[in-house]
Protein backbone atom coordinates (compact mmCIF):
# COMPACT_ATOMS: atom_id res chain seq x y z
CA MET A 1 5.06 14.41 7.14
CA PRO A 2 1.94 12.79 8.66
CA LEU A 3 0.40 12.56 5.18
CA VAL A 4 3.48 10.74 3.86
CA SER A 5 3.51 8.39 6.85
CA ALA A 6 -0.18 7.61 6.47
CA SER A 7 0.22 6.97 2.75
CA LEU A 8 3.17 4.62 3.30
CA ALA A 9 1.32 2.76 6.05
CA GLY A 10 -1.72 2.35 3.80
CA ILE A 11 0.40 1.03 0.94
CA ALA A 12 2.20 -1.34 3.31
CA GLU A 13 -1.09 -2.70 4.65
CA ILE A 14 -2.06 -3.64 1.10
CA VAL A 15 1.27 -4.80 -0.33
CA LEU A 16 2.78 -6.73 2.59
CA PRO A 17 -0.08 -9.23 2.98
CA ILE A 18 0.10 -9.88 -0.77
CA PHE A 19 3.81 -10.63 -0.35
CA LEU A 20 2.96 -13.02 2.49
CA VAL A 21 0.36 -14.88 0.42
CA LEU A 22 2.82 -15.25 -2.45
CA GLY A 23 5.69 -16.13 -0.17
CA LEU A 24 7.80 -13.35 -1.64
CA GLY A 25 10.11 -11.69 0.86
CA THR A 26 8.25 -13.53 3.59
CA ARG A 27 10.55 -12.71 6.49
CA PHE A 28 10.89 -9.06 5.46
CA ALA A 29 7.12 -8.69 5.07
CA ALA A 30 6.49 -10.40 8.41
CA VAL A 31 8.96 -8.13 10.22
CA ALA A 32 7.31 -5.07 8.64
CA ILE A 33 3.84 -6.28 9.65
CA MET A 34 5.10 -6.94 13.17
CA ALA A 35 6.52 -3.39 13.30
CA MET A 36 3.18 -2.00 12.13
CA THR A 37 1.44 -4.07 14.80
CA VAL A 38 3.68 -2.57 17.48
CA VAL A 39 2.95 0.96 16.26
CA ILE A 40 -0.79 0.25 16.20
CA GLN A 41 -0.55 -1.22 19.71
CA LEU A 42 1.16 1.92 20.96
CA THR A 43 -1.53 4.15 19.47
CA ILE A 44 -4.55 1.92 20.28
CA PRO A 45 -3.66 -0.03 23.43
CA ASP A 46 -7.12 -1.56 23.98
CA GLY A 47 -6.82 -4.18 21.22
CA TRP A 48 -3.77 -6.09 22.46
CA ALA A 49 -5.32 -9.41 23.50
CA ASN A 50 -7.98 -9.53 20.79
CA PHE A 51 -6.16 -8.33 17.69
CA HIS A 52 -2.53 -7.34 18.08
CA LEU A 53 -1.21 -10.36 19.98
CA PRO A 54 -2.42 -12.92 17.38
CA TRP A 55 -1.07 -10.80 14.52
CA ALA A 56 2.29 -10.46 16.27
CA ALA A 57 2.41 -14.20 16.98
CA MET A 58 1.65 -15.10 13.36
CA ALA A 59 4.22 -12.64 12.07
CA LEU A 60 6.83 -13.95 14.50
CA ALA A 61 6.20 -17.53 13.31
CA LEU A 62 6.77 -16.42 9.70
CA VAL A 63 9.97 -14.62 10.67
CA VAL A 64 11.29 -17.72 12.42
CA TYR A 65 10.15 -20.43 9.97
CA GLY A 66 9.87 -18.55 6.70
CA GLY A 67 7.35 -19.14 3.95
CA GLY A 68 7.83 -22.86 3.44
CA ARG A 69 8.41 -25.06 0.41
CA LEU A 70 5.75 -23.53 -1.81
CA SER A 71 6.84 -19.92 -1.35
CA LEU A 72 8.31 -17.86 -4.15
CA ASP A 73 11.34 -17.27 -1.93
CA VAL A 74 12.29 -20.94 -2.20
CA LEU A 75 11.50 -21.17 -5.90
CA LEU A 76 13.59 -18.10 -6.70
CA MET A 77 16.54 -19.31 -4.62
CA LYS A 78 16.79 -22.70 -6.35
CA ARG A 79 19.88 -23.16 -8.47
CA PRO A 80 20.36 -25.60 -11.30
CA SER A 81 21.26 -29.05 -10.00
CA GLY A 82 24.96 -29.73 -9.77
CA SER A 83 25.89 -26.12 -9.08
CA GLY A 84 26.36 -26.81 -5.36
CA GLY A 85 25.65 -24.32 -2.64
CA PRO A 86 23.11 -24.25 0.16
CA ALA A 87 20.11 -23.54 -2.09
CA THR A 88 20.24 -27.03 -3.61
CA ARG A 89 19.99 -29.02 -0.40
CA PRO A 90 16.60 -30.57 0.35
CA ILE A 91 14.24 -28.67 2.60
C-alpha cells in the first residue's frame, strides 16, 4: 500500500500543477494540492512558514476565485449564444 500511495502522490505532483497552468479543473486541482500540502505538513512540520503556508494560501485563492477568464474551465463551459443558462453571462 505505501508503494501505491507514493506512486499516486508522485503522479499528482506532476499532473495537478499542469492542470492549474491550463486552468483545467482548477478548483479540483487546487483542493487536491491543498490536501497534499496538509499531508506534507503533518509529516514534515518544520516547513510550515517557509513553504507550506504560501502553497496553502495560493491553493485556497484558486479554490475561492477559480482559474479566471483565460482558463480552459471557462472556455469549455461556454455555450452557444442564445442558448441561455448561467454559462453565457459575462464574467
